Amino acid sequence: MNLVAILSHFIFRTSPSDLQVVAGVLNNTVESSEETKVVREVTDVIIHEEFNDYTLINDIAILKVGIIFKYKKEIFYFLWIGNTHVTVTEHCW
């Protein structure tokens, strides 16, 4: 998986070169082992074309990373289907 969803208001005035995606950590604390931490550089940011930074309508963006995240127990994928959260236990797309 090389796409990550995020709220636009966190990053809408930020260059992709100033962003990183960190996975496999819990609150970025000592509890999170460096062995599980995976860092990826962001190569592109796609902000919803109708995002409004005042009202926060359409507050969604996609970050594209250059190197995919490979599945492991500390990094899992999930999908939202309607109002249902589905955890994906293997790379399935």
N, C-alpha and C. Protein backbone atom coordinates (compact mmCIF):
# COMPACT_ATOMS: atom_id res chain seq x y z
N MET A 1 0.85 -1.17 0.00
CA MET A 1 0.00 0.00 0.00
C MET A 1 0.90 1.24 0.00
N ASN A 2 0.66 2.15 -0.94
CA ASN A 2 1.46 3.36 -0.94
C ASN A 2 0.62 4.62 -0.86
N LEU A 3 -0.64 4.49 -0.43
CA LEU A 3 -1.52 5.63 -0.23
C LEU A 3 -1.98 5.68 1.22
N VAL A 4 -2.00 6.88 1.79
CA VAL A 4 -2.40 7.06 3.18
C VAL A 4 -3.41 8.20 3.23
N ALA A 5 -4.57 7.95 3.85
CA ALA A 5 -5.59 8.99 4.01
C ALA A 5 -5.27 9.82 5.26
N ILE A 6 -5.53 11.12 5.18
CA ILE A 6 -5.27 12.03 6.28
C ILE A 6 -6.25 13.19 6.18
N LEU A 7 -6.44 13.92 7.26
CA LEU A 7 -7.28 15.11 7.23
C LEU A 7 -6.51 16.24 6.56
N SER A 8 -7.14 16.91 5.63
CA SER A 8 -6.49 17.97 4.87
C SER A 8 -5.95 19.09 5.74
N HIS A 9 -6.71 19.45 6.79
CA HIS A 9 -6.28 20.61 7.58
C HIS A 9 -4.94 20.40 8.28
N PHE A 10 -4.50 19.16 8.40
CA PHE A 10 -3.18 18.90 8.99
C PHE A 10 -2.04 19.28 8.04
N ILE A 11 -2.29 19.20 6.74
CA ILE A 11 -1.17 19.29 5.79
C ILE A 11 -1.39 20.22 4.60
N PHE A 12 -2.50 20.96 4.55
CA PHE A 12 -2.84 21.65 3.30
C PHE A 12 -1.89 22.77 2.91
N ARG A 13 -1.07 23.25 3.77
CA ARG A 13 -0.09 24.28 3.41
C ARG A 13 1.34 23.73 3.51
N THR A 14 1.48 22.44 3.36
CA THR A 14 2.77 21.80 3.53
C THR A 14 3.21 21.14 2.23
N SER A 15 4.47 21.27 1.91
CA SER A 15 5.03 20.64 0.72
C SER A 15 5.24 19.15 0.98
N PRO A 16 5.02 18.30 -0.03
CA PRO A 16 5.28 16.87 0.17
C PRO A 16 6.70 16.59 0.67
N SER A 17 7.66 17.38 0.26
CA SER A 17 9.05 17.15 0.68
C SER A 17 9.26 17.41 2.17
N ASP A 18 8.30 18.06 2.82
CA ASP A 18 8.39 18.31 4.26
C ASP A 18 7.63 17.29 5.09
N LEU A 19 7.07 16.27 4.44
CA LEU A 19 6.25 15.29 5.13
C LEU A 19 6.87 13.91 5.10
N GLN A 20 6.62 13.14 6.16
CA GLN A 20 6.97 11.73 6.24
C GLN A 20 5.77 11.01 6.84
N VAL A 21 5.61 9.75 6.48
CA VAL A 21 4.62 8.89 7.10
C VAL A 21 5.37 7.88 7.94
N VAL A 22 5.00 7.80 9.22
CA VAL A 22 5.63 6.86 10.14
C VAL A 22 4.58 5.83 10.53
N ALA A 23 4.89 4.56 10.35
CA ALA A 23 3.97 3.47 10.69
C ALA A 23 4.67 2.50 11.63
N GLY A 24 3.86 1.71 12.31
CA GLY A 24 4.41 0.69 13.20
C GLY A 24 4.84 1.20 14.55
N VAL A 25 4.34 2.39 14.94
CA VAL A 25 4.66 2.94 16.25
C VAL A 25 3.37 3.27 16.99
N LEU A 26 3.45 3.35 18.30
CA LEU A 26 2.31 3.70 19.13
C LEU A 26 2.62 5.03 19.80
N ASN A 27 1.99 6.08 19.35
CA ASN A 27 2.17 7.42 19.91
C ASN A 27 3.62 7.89 19.89
N ASN A 28 4.43 7.30 19.03
CA ASN A 28 5.83 7.66 18.86
C ASN A 28 6.57 7.75 20.21
N THR A 29 6.39 6.73 21.04
CA THR A 29 6.99 6.69 22.36
C THR A 29 8.02 5.58 22.45
N VAL A 30 8.66 5.50 23.60
CA VAL A 30 9.64 4.45 23.84
C VAL A 30 8.98 3.07 23.74
N GLU A 31 7.68 3.00 24.05
CA GLU A 31 6.97 1.73 23.95
C GLU A 31 7.02 1.19 22.52
N SER A 32 7.21 2.07 21.57
CA SER A 32 7.28 1.66 20.18
C SER A 32 8.72 1.35 19.81
N SER A 33 8.97 0.12 19.57
CA SER A 33 10.32 -0.33 19.26
C SER A 33 10.79 0.20 17.93
N GLU A 34 12.04 0.57 17.87
CA GLU A 34 12.64 0.98 16.60
C GLU A 34 12.60 -0.17 15.59
N GLU A 35 12.48 -1.41 16.08
CA GLU A 35 12.40 -2.56 15.18
C GLU A 35 11.11 -2.56 14.37
N THR A 36 10.05 -1.97 14.90
CA THR A 36 8.76 -1.98 14.20
C THR A 36 8.52 -0.71 13.40
N LYS A 37 9.29 0.31 13.63
CA LYS A 37 9.08 1.62 13.01
C LYS A 37 9.47 1.60 11.53
N VAL A 38 8.56 2.13 10.69
CA VAL A 38 8.81 2.23 9.25
C VAL A 38 8.51 3.66 8.84
N VAL A 39 9.47 4.31 8.19
CA VAL A 39 9.31 5.70 7.77
C VAL A 39 9.35 5.76 6.24
N ARG A 40 8.41 6.50 5.67
CA ARG A 40 8.35 6.67 4.22
C ARG A 40 8.25 8.16 3.89
N GLU A 41 8.96 8.56 2.84
CA GLU A 41 8.89 9.93 2.35
C GLU A 41 7.62 10.09 1.50
N VAL A 42 6.98 11.24 1.62
CA VAL A 42 5.78 11.53 0.83
C VAL A 42 6.21 12.10 -0.52
N THR A 43 5.66 11.53 -1.59
CA THR A 43 6.01 11.98 -2.94
C THR A 43 4.93 12.87 -3.56
N ASP A 44 3.70 12.76 -3.05
CA ASP A 44 2.62 13.57 -3.60
C ASP A 44 1.53 13.72 -2.57
N VAL A 45 0.84 14.86 -2.63
CA VAL A 45 -0.30 15.14 -1.75
C VAL A 45 -1.49 15.48 -2.64
N ILE A 46 -2.59 14.79 -2.41
CA ILE A 46 -3.81 15.06 -3.16
C ILE A 46 -4.87 15.49 -2.16
N ILE A 47 -5.20 16.78 -2.20
CA ILE A 47 -6.22 17.34 -1.29
C ILE A 47 -7.54 17.41 -2.04
N HIS A 48 -8.62 17.07 -1.36
CA HIS A 48 -9.95 17.14 -1.98
C HIS A 48 -10.12 18.50 -2.63
N GLU A 49 -10.53 18.49 -3.89
CA GLU A 49 -10.58 19.75 -4.65
C GLU A 49 -11.59 20.76 -4.09
N GLU A 50 -12.53 20.30 -3.26
CA GLU A 50 -13.50 21.21 -2.66
C GLU A 50 -13.27 21.40 -1.16
N PHE A 51 -12.06 21.11 -0.69
CA PHE A 51 -11.73 21.32 0.72
C PHE A 51 -11.80 22.81 1.05
N ASN A 52 -12.43 23.12 2.19
CA ASN A 52 -12.53 24.50 2.65
C ASN A 52 -11.83 24.59 4.00
N ASP A 53 -10.74 25.36 4.06
CA ASP A 53 -9.95 25.41 5.30
C ASP A 53 -10.62 26.23 6.39
N TYR A 54 -11.68 26.93 6.08
CA TYR A 54 -12.42 27.68 7.11
C TYR A 54 -13.51 26.81 7.73
N THR A 55 -14.31 26.16 6.88
CA THR A 55 -15.42 25.33 7.39
C THR A 55 -15.00 23.88 7.61
N LEU A 56 -13.88 23.48 7.05
CA LEU A 56 -13.37 22.10 7.08
C LEU A 56 -14.28 21.11 6.35
N ILE A 57 -15.09 21.64 5.43
CA ILE A 57 -15.88 20.75 4.57
C ILE A 57 -14.93 20.03 3.62
N ASN A 58 -15.19 18.75 3.39
CA ASN A 58 -14.35 17.91 2.51
C ASN A 58 -12.91 17.84 3.02
N ASP A 59 -12.77 17.65 4.32
CA ASP A 59 -11.47 17.64 5.00
C ASP A 59 -10.80 16.29 4.86
N ILE A 60 -10.36 15.98 3.65
CA ILE A 60 -9.71 14.69 3.39
C ILE A 60 -8.60 14.90 2.35
N ALA A 61 -7.52 14.17 2.53
CA ALA A 61 -6.41 14.22 1.58
C ALA A 61 -5.79 12.83 1.51
N ILE A 62 -5.06 12.60 0.43
CA ILE A 62 -4.33 11.35 0.24
C ILE A 62 -2.85 11.68 0.12
N LEU A 63 -2.03 10.98 0.89
CA LEU A 63 -0.58 11.09 0.77
C LEU A 63 -0.08 9.89 -0.01
N LYS A 64 0.75 10.14 -0.99
CA LYS A 64 1.37 9.03 -1.73
C LYS A 64 2.81 8.92 -1.28
N VAL A 65 3.22 7.71 -0.93
CA VAL A 65 4.61 7.47 -0.52
C VAL A 65 5.32 6.70 -1.63
N GLY A 66 6.63 6.92 -1.73
CA GLY A 66 7.40 6.32 -2.82
C GLY A 66 7.60 4.83 -2.70
N ILE A 67 7.76 4.33 -1.49
CA ILE A 67 7.99 2.91 -1.26
C ILE A 67 6.80 2.37 -0.48
N ILE A 68 6.22 1.27 -0.96
CA ILE A 68 5.02 0.75 -0.31
C ILE A 68 5.32 0.25 1.10
N PHE A 69 4.29 0.25 1.93
CA PHE A 69 4.37 -0.37 3.25
C PHE A 69 4.06 -1.84 3.07
N LYS A 70 4.94 -2.69 3.56
CA LYS A 70 4.69 -4.12 3.50
C LYS A 70 3.98 -4.53 4.78
N TYR A 71 3.02 -5.44 4.63
CA TYR A 71 2.24 -5.90 5.77
C TYR A 71 3.14 -6.61 6.77
N LYS A 72 2.93 -6.27 8.04
CA LYS A 72 3.48 -7.03 9.17
C LYS A 72 2.58 -6.76 10.35
N LYS A 73 2.75 -7.48 11.44
CA LYS A 73 1.77 -7.39 12.52
C LYS A 73 1.66 -5.99 13.12
N GLU A 74 2.71 -5.19 13.04
CA GLU A 74 2.66 -3.84 13.60
C GLU A 74 2.06 -2.83 12.62
N ILE A 75 1.94 -3.20 11.35
CA ILE A 75 1.38 -2.33 10.33
C ILE A 75 0.27 -3.10 9.65
N PHE A 76 -0.96 -2.68 9.87
CA PHE A 76 -2.07 -3.39 9.26
C PHE A 76 -2.89 -2.42 8.44
N TYR A 77 -3.62 -2.97 7.51
CA TYR A 77 -4.46 -2.17 6.63
C TYR A 77 -5.89 -2.29 7.10
N PHE A 78 -6.66 -1.28 6.84
CA PHE A 78 -8.08 -1.37 7.10
C PHE A 78 -8.84 -0.61 6.04
N LEU A 79 -10.07 -0.99 5.85
CA LEU A 79 -10.94 -0.37 4.87
C LEU A 79 -12.21 0.08 5.57
N TRP A 80 -12.79 1.14 5.07
CA TRP A 80 -14.13 1.54 5.51
C TRP A 80 -15.09 1.20 4.39
N ILE A 81 -16.06 0.38 4.69
CA ILE A 81 -17.09 0.03 3.72
C ILE A 81 -18.40 0.51 4.34
N GLY A 82 -18.94 1.59 3.80
CA GLY A 82 -20.11 2.21 4.43
C GLY A 82 -19.70 2.71 5.80
N ASN A 83 -20.37 2.26 6.84
CA ASN A 83 -20.02 2.63 8.21
C ASN A 83 -19.29 1.52 8.93
N THR A 84 -18.79 0.54 8.19
CA THR A 84 -18.16 -0.64 8.79
C THR A 84 -16.65 -0.60 8.60
N HIS A 85 -15.92 -0.82 9.68
CA HIS A 85 -14.46 -0.88 9.66
C HIS A 85 -14.06 -2.33 9.45
N VAL A 86 -13.26 -2.60 8.43
CA VAL A 86 -12.83 -3.96 8.10
C VAL A 86 -11.32 -4.00 8.17
N THR A 87 -10.76 -4.81 9.06
CA THR A 87 -9.32 -4.98 9.13
C THR A 87 -8.88 -5.99 8.10
N VAL A 88 -7.85 -5.65 7.37
CA VAL A 88 -7.33 -6.53 6.32
C VAL A 88 -6.06 -7.17 6.88
N THR A 89 -6.00 -8.47 6.87
CA THR A 89 -4.87 -9.15 7.50
C THR A 89 -3.78 -9.57 6.53
N GLU A 90 -3.95 -9.24 5.28
CA GLU A 90 -2.88 -9.51 4.32
C GLU A 90 -3.02 -8.52 3.17
N HIS A 91 -1.96 -8.40 2.40
CA HIS A 91 -1.97 -7.51 1.26
C HIS A 91 -2.92 -8.09 0.23
N CYS A 92 -4.04 -7.40 -0.04
CA CYS A 92 -5.07 -8.03 -0.86
C CYS A 92 -5.44 -7.23 -2.08
N TRP A 93 -4.69 -6.20 -2.43
CA TRP A 93 -5.02 -5.47 -3.65
C TRP A 93 -3.80 -5.22 -4.48
